[in-house]
Amino acid sequence: MERSGYRSTSEITGTRKKIIYVDDVNYSLMTVKTRLSDHYEVYPADSVLKMYEFLENIKPDLILLDVNMPDIDGYEAIKSLKADERYINIPVIFLTGNSDRESVVKGLSLGAVDYVIKPFTTVKLVESIENHLNPPKRKESSDDEGNDGKPSILVVDDVSSMLRAMQYALHDRYKVFILSKSEDVLDFLRTKKVELIMLDYLMPVLSGFDLIPLIRALPDQKDVPIIIITTEGTSDHVSEAISLGASDFIVKPFKPKELNDKVAKHIRIAKELKLIKDDLRNLYD
């Protein structure tokens, strides 16, 4: 049996944390149970229905969830968990062989706290679990190292899983700053220069729509593209966003390619407009 060499919260405190692992492949169920048995109390479930049977009798600290399963897949399972007040706060980690970016982003955008790819090491899996059973303090934005000349983007959303999904989808091409509190946006923009801003529509304190005119009132933010992130794609909703000063919108759940294409388009347009304005200014100076 592979030993991780990693001391979990359960080992340190002496209290066994409970984990439900859902997978329709018995070999996977037994492998994970064996690898984690030194750290946690693991309940293997060979279907989503079995998971709910466990949930009637125990309160797990975390759920590990496969994606590809018959009858009810992992995506439908997490949707049902997050729609139920009894289970909404249980951290869910996808443990799956689906390694393409679209699958990862979809899992995170549906509310998963992490996405571990099979085959995995015990160290990687235990570290992922511990990060969410005993989470470290997280910075509100990515640090300033390693920019490599990438365009900078600010993403604002009060849902941490959506922030991670957006950051994951964009980080190859852009430097992504993230904020979870809408009331921090103006202070951030007074000290940081970004080339595009993405705002969630529904947030406590200030909505994305509330923020647009406030951002536009800042001297350096009049022409920065703003994309609204929304679950509502109606024509009235979109028209209101555009009338307030938004450049575009994207509807949740999104596809990574659609997101990247939209961001690239508006950064390119903003650069072209700046060149035109500079040429006109030079012409009349």
Protein backbone atom coordinates (compact mmCIF):
# COMPACT_ATOMS: atom_id res chain seq x y z
CA MET A 1 0.00 0.00 0.00
CA GLU A 2 1.32 3.47 -0.89
CA ARG A 3 2.08 5.57 2.17
CA SER A 4 1.77 9.33 1.83
CA GLY A 5 4.11 10.44 4.61
CA TYR A 6 1.55 13.19 5.20
CA ARG A 7 -0.12 13.79 8.57
CA SER A 8 -3.78 14.67 8.15
CA THR A 9 -5.96 16.73 10.48
CA SER A 10 -7.55 13.46 11.62
CA GLU A 11 -4.19 12.08 12.75
CA ILE A 12 -3.15 15.28 14.51
CA THR A 13 -6.43 15.81 16.38
CA GLY A 14 -7.24 12.15 16.92
CA THR A 15 -10.68 12.67 15.42
CA ARG A 16 -11.49 10.61 12.32
CA LYS A 17 -12.96 12.75 9.57
CA LYS A 18 -15.69 11.09 7.50
CA ILE A 19 -15.50 10.98 3.70
CA ILE A 20 -18.00 9.53 1.25
CA TYR A 21 -16.39 8.40 -2.03
CA VAL A 22 -18.77 7.87 -4.97
CA ASP A 23 -17.61 5.81 -7.97
CA ASP A 24 -19.30 3.02 -9.95
CA VAL A 25 -15.99 1.10 -10.36
CA ASN A 26 -15.39 -1.23 -7.42
CA TYR A 27 -11.62 -1.31 -7.97
CA SER A 28 -11.47 2.49 -7.67
CA LEU A 29 -13.62 2.39 -4.53
CA MET A 30 -11.37 -0.12 -2.84
CA THR A 31 -8.15 1.59 -3.97
CA VAL A 32 -9.19 4.96 -2.56
CA LYS A 33 -10.52 3.42 0.65
CA THR A 34 -7.22 1.57 1.16
CA ARG A 35 -5.06 4.61 0.43
CA LEU A 36 -7.04 6.88 2.73
CA SER A 37 -7.73 4.43 5.55
CA ASP A 38 -4.75 5.68 7.58
CA HIS A 39 -6.17 9.20 7.50
CA TYR A 40 -9.96 9.10 7.34
CA GLU A 41 -13.09 7.03 7.80
CA VAL A 42 -14.08 6.32 4.18
CA TYR A 43 -17.57 5.25 3.06
CA PRO A 44 -17.44 3.81 -0.50
CA ALA A 45 -20.64 4.32 -2.52
CA ASP A 46 -21.03 2.64 -5.92
CA SER A 47 -23.79 5.06 -7.02
CA VAL A 48 -25.27 8.44 -6.21
CA LEU A 49 -28.29 6.66 -4.71
CA LYS A 50 -25.95 4.84 -2.31
CA MET A 51 -24.38 8.18 -1.42
CA TYR A 52 -27.79 9.47 -0.36
CA GLU A 53 -28.32 6.35 1.74
CA PHE A 54 -25.12 7.19 3.62
CA LEU A 55 -26.20 10.82 3.97
CA GLU A 56 -29.33 9.71 5.83
CA ASN A 57 -27.19 8.20 8.58
CA ILE A 58 -23.89 10.11 8.70
CA LYS A 59 -22.73 13.68 8.26
CA PRO A 60 -19.58 13.54 6.12
CA ASP A 61 -16.86 16.16 6.32
CA LEU A 62 -16.22 15.85 2.57
CA ILE A 63 -17.45 14.00 -0.53
CA LEU A 64 -15.22 12.59 -3.29
CA LEU A 65 -17.17 12.27 -6.53
CA ASP A 66 -16.46 10.58 -9.86
CA VAL A 67 -17.86 12.23 -13.01
CA ASN A 68 -18.68 9.36 -15.38
CA MET A 69 -21.29 7.13 -13.77
CA PRO A 70 -24.46 5.47 -15.13
CA ASP A 71 -27.94 6.75 -14.24
CA ILE A 72 -26.76 9.88 -12.36
CA ASP A 73 -23.36 11.32 -13.23
CA GLY A 74 -21.15 13.44 -10.99
CA TYR A 75 -22.29 16.75 -12.45
CA GLU A 76 -25.94 15.99 -11.74
CA ALA A 77 -24.99 14.73 -8.29
CA ILE A 78 -23.24 17.94 -7.28
CA LYS A 79 -26.14 20.01 -8.62
CA SER A 80 -28.53 18.11 -6.35
CA LEU A 81 -26.20 18.42 -3.36
CA LYS A 82 -25.77 22.17 -3.79
CA ALA A 83 -29.54 22.62 -4.20
CA ASP A 84 -30.21 20.99 -0.81
CA GLU A 85 -29.73 23.13 2.31
CA ARG A 86 -28.73 20.03 4.30
CA TYR A 87 -25.72 19.32 2.09
CA ILE A 88 -24.84 22.63 0.44
CA ASN A 89 -21.86 23.28 2.74
CA ILE A 90 -20.25 19.83 2.38
CA PRO A 91 -17.04 20.26 0.32
CA VAL A 92 -17.06 18.19 -2.88
CA ILE A 93 -13.88 17.16 -4.71
CA PHE A 94 -14.14 15.56 -8.15
CA LEU A 95 -11.86 12.52 -8.43
CA THR A 96 -12.00 11.51 -12.09
CA GLY A 97 -10.13 10.57 -15.24
CA ASN A 98 -11.67 13.49 -17.18
CA SER A 99 -8.62 15.74 -17.52
CA ASP A 100 -9.67 18.15 -20.29
CA ARG A 101 -9.98 21.79 -19.33
CA GLU A 102 -13.69 22.03 -20.10
CA SER A 103 -14.46 19.20 -17.66
CA VAL A 104 -12.36 20.80 -14.93
CA VAL A 105 -13.97 24.22 -15.37
CA LYS A 106 -17.46 22.72 -15.45
CA GLY A 107 -16.83 20.82 -12.21
CA LEU A 108 -15.48 23.89 -10.42
CA SER A 109 -18.25 26.15 -11.74
CA LEU A 110 -20.87 23.76 -10.37
CA GLY A 111 -19.47 24.17 -6.87
CA ALA A 112 -16.64 21.64 -6.44
CA VAL A 113 -13.80 22.85 -4.24
CA ASP A 114 -11.16 20.93 -6.20
CA TYR A 115 -10.63 18.55 -9.12
CA VAL A 116 -8.15 15.66 -8.78
CA ILE A 117 -7.21 13.72 -11.91
CA LYS A 118 -6.80 9.94 -11.97
CA PRO A 119 -4.28 8.39 -11.74
CA PHE A 120 -3.38 10.25 -8.56
CA THR A 121 -0.84 9.93 -5.77
CA THR A 122 -1.96 9.51 -2.18
CA VAL A 123 0.00 12.65 -1.26
CA LYS A 124 -1.85 14.72 -3.88
CA LEU A 125 -5.26 13.45 -2.80
CA VAL A 126 -4.64 13.89 0.94
CA GLU A 127 -3.26 17.40 0.38
CA SER A 128 -6.35 18.32 -1.63
CA ILE A 129 -8.65 16.94 1.06
CA GLU A 130 -6.74 18.69 3.86
CA ASN A 131 -6.81 22.01 2.00
CA HIS A 132 -10.59 21.95 2.36
CA LEU A 133 -11.01 20.28 5.72
CA ASN A 134 -8.50 22.71 7.22
CA PRO A 135 -8.14 25.45 4.61
CA PRO A 136 -5.17 27.84 4.67
CA LYS A 137 -5.82 31.55 4.49
CA ARG A 138 -6.14 32.53 0.85
CA LYS A 139 -5.06 35.77 -0.77
CA GLU A 140 -7.80 37.73 -2.45
CA SER A 141 -5.74 38.02 -5.61
CA SER A 142 -2.92 36.22 -7.31
CA ASP A 143 0.50 37.62 -6.39
CA ASP A 144 2.56 39.83 -8.63
CA GLU A 145 5.28 37.33 -9.49
CA GLY A 146 5.51 35.65 -12.85
CA ASN A 147 3.44 38.08 -14.91
CA ASP A 148 5.51 37.34 -18.06
CA GLY A 149 3.89 40.24 -19.90
CA LYS A 150 0.42 38.67 -19.83
CA PRO A 151 -2.59 41.02 -19.98
CA SER A 152 -4.13 41.53 -16.53
CA ILE A 153 -7.77 40.72 -15.77
CA LEU A 154 -9.86 41.32 -12.65
CA VAL A 155 -12.60 38.76 -11.92
CA VAL A 156 -15.17 39.56 -9.22
CA ASP A 157 -17.58 36.92 -7.92
CA ASP A 158 -18.77 36.06 -4.40
CA VAL A 159 -18.74 32.30 -5.21
CA SER A 160 -15.24 30.91 -4.59
CA SER A 161 -15.72 27.92 -6.91
CA MET A 162 -16.66 30.24 -9.78
CA LEU A 163 -13.56 32.34 -9.12
CA ARG A 164 -11.41 29.23 -9.30
CA ALA A 165 -13.13 28.10 -12.49
CA MET A 166 -12.58 31.47 -14.16
CA GLN A 167 -8.98 31.64 -12.98
CA TYR A 168 -8.27 28.11 -14.21
CA ALA A 169 -9.86 28.80 -17.59
CA LEU A 170 -7.88 32.00 -18.16
CA HIS A 171 -4.54 31.62 -16.39
CA ASP A 172 -2.56 30.29 -19.39
CA ARG A 173 -3.05 33.50 -21.36
CA TYR A 174 -3.72 36.13 -18.69
CA LYS A 175 -2.66 37.31 -15.25
CA VAL A 176 -5.87 36.89 -13.28
CA PHE A 177 -6.68 38.87 -10.13
CA ILE A 178 -9.67 37.66 -8.14
CA LEU A 179 -11.91 39.41 -5.60
CA SER A 180 -14.78 37.85 -3.70
CA LYS A 181 -16.14 41.07 -2.19
CA SER A 182 -17.73 43.61 -4.51
CA GLU A 183 -17.07 46.43 -2.03
CA ASP A 184 -13.29 45.93 -2.51
CA VAL A 185 -13.35 46.55 -6.27
CA LEU A 186 -12.96 50.33 -6.33
CA ASP A 187 -10.04 50.33 -3.89
CA PHE A 188 -8.35 47.62 -5.95
CA LEU A 189 -8.77 49.55 -9.20
CA ARG A 190 -7.32 52.70 -7.64
CA THR A 191 -4.03 50.86 -7.13
CA LYS A 192 -3.93 48.27 -9.95
CA LYS A 193 -4.14 48.65 -13.70
CA VAL A 194 -6.02 45.87 -15.51
CA GLU A 195 -6.94 45.46 -19.16
CA LEU A 196 -10.35 43.86 -18.61
CA ILE A 197 -12.85 43.46 -15.75
CA MET A 198 -15.35 40.62 -15.27
CA LEU A 199 -18.21 41.21 -12.79
CA ASP A 200 -20.75 38.76 -11.45
CA TYR A 201 -24.27 40.14 -11.78
CA LEU A 202 -25.67 38.94 -8.42
CA MET A 203 -23.45 39.75 -5.43
CA PRO A 204 -24.15 40.95 -1.89
CA VAL A 205 -23.59 44.66 -1.11
CA LEU A 206 -23.01 45.74 -4.74
CA SER A 207 -24.21 43.89 -7.82
CA GLY A 208 -22.29 43.87 -11.08
CA PHE A 209 -24.77 46.41 -12.42
CA ASP A 210 -24.21 48.66 -9.38
CA LEU A 211 -20.46 48.54 -9.94
CA ILE A 212 -20.41 49.48 -13.64
CA PRO A 213 -21.14 53.23 -13.26
CA LEU A 214 -18.88 53.43 -10.18
CA ILE A 215 -16.00 51.91 -12.14
CA ARG A 216 -16.65 54.14 -15.13
CA ALA A 217 -16.45 57.19 -12.83
CA LEU A 218 -12.82 56.38 -11.99
CA PRO A 219 -10.45 58.45 -14.17
CA ASP A 220 -8.44 55.49 -15.50
CA GLN A 221 -11.38 53.10 -16.02
CA LYS A 222 -13.55 54.87 -18.58
CA ASP A 223 -12.47 52.65 -21.49
CA VAL A 224 -11.56 49.36 -19.78
CA PRO A 225 -13.77 46.54 -21.15
CA ILE A 226 -16.27 45.17 -18.61
CA ILE A 227 -17.90 41.77 -19.09
CA ILE A 228 -20.87 40.82 -16.92
CA ILE A 229 -21.03 37.19 -15.69
CA THR A 230 -24.66 36.18 -15.37
CA THR A 231 -27.12 33.30 -15.25
CA GLU A 232 -29.71 35.48 -16.99
CA GLY A 233 -29.28 35.86 -20.73
CA THR A 234 -32.55 37.61 -21.55
CA SER A 235 -32.51 40.50 -24.03
CA ASP A 236 -33.73 42.98 -21.37
CA HIS A 237 -30.99 41.90 -18.98
CA VAL A 238 -28.30 42.23 -21.65
CA SER A 239 -29.64 45.59 -22.85
CA GLU A 240 -29.52 46.97 -19.32
CA ALA A 241 -25.92 45.81 -18.89
CA ILE A 242 -24.85 47.45 -22.16
CA SER A 243 -26.73 50.67 -21.38
CA LEU A 244 -24.89 50.95 -18.06
CA GLY A 245 -21.52 50.67 -19.79
CA ALA A 246 -20.74 46.98 -19.98
CA SER A 247 -18.91 45.78 -23.09
CA ASP A 248 -20.38 42.28 -23.17
CA PHE A 249 -21.80 39.45 -21.05
CA ILE A 250 -21.23 35.73 -20.62
CA VAL A 251 -23.83 33.28 -19.33
CA LYS A 252 -23.06 30.67 -16.65
CA PRO A 253 -22.18 27.86 -17.04
CA PHE A 254 -19.66 28.90 -19.68
CA LYS A 255 -17.28 27.01 -21.94
CA PRO A 256 -13.56 27.83 -21.53
CA LYS A 257 -13.08 28.50 -25.26
CA GLU A 258 -16.08 30.85 -25.35
CA LEU A 259 -14.71 32.70 -22.32
CA ASN A 260 -11.19 33.01 -23.73
CA ASP A 261 -12.45 34.11 -27.15
CA LYS A 262 -14.66 36.79 -25.63
CA VAL A 263 -11.90 38.12 -23.38
CA ALA A 264 -9.36 38.16 -26.24
CA LYS A 265 -11.81 39.99 -28.51
CA HIS A 266 -12.46 42.82 -26.07
CA ILE A 267 -8.82 43.25 -25.07
CA ARG A 268 -7.94 43.47 -28.79
CA ILE A 269 -10.73 46.01 -29.46
CA ALA A 270 -9.64 48.13 -26.47
CA LYS A 271 -6.05 48.20 -27.76
CA GLU A 272 -7.19 49.16 -31.25
CA LEU A 273 -9.37 51.98 -29.88
CA LYS A 274 -6.48 53.27 -27.79
CA LEU A 275 -4.24 53.38 -30.88
CA ILE A 276 -6.89 55.30 -32.81
CA LYS A 277 -7.34 57.80 -29.97
CA ASP A 278 -3.57 58.25 -29.67
CA ASP A 279 -3.30 58.87 -33.42
CA LEU A 280 -6.10 61.45 -33.29
CA ARG A 281 -4.52 63.13 -30.29
CA ASN A 282 -1.17 63.34 -32.07
CA LEU A 283 -2.87 64.66 -35.19
CA TYR A 284 -4.50 67.59 -33.41
CA ASP A 285 -1.78 68.38 -30.87
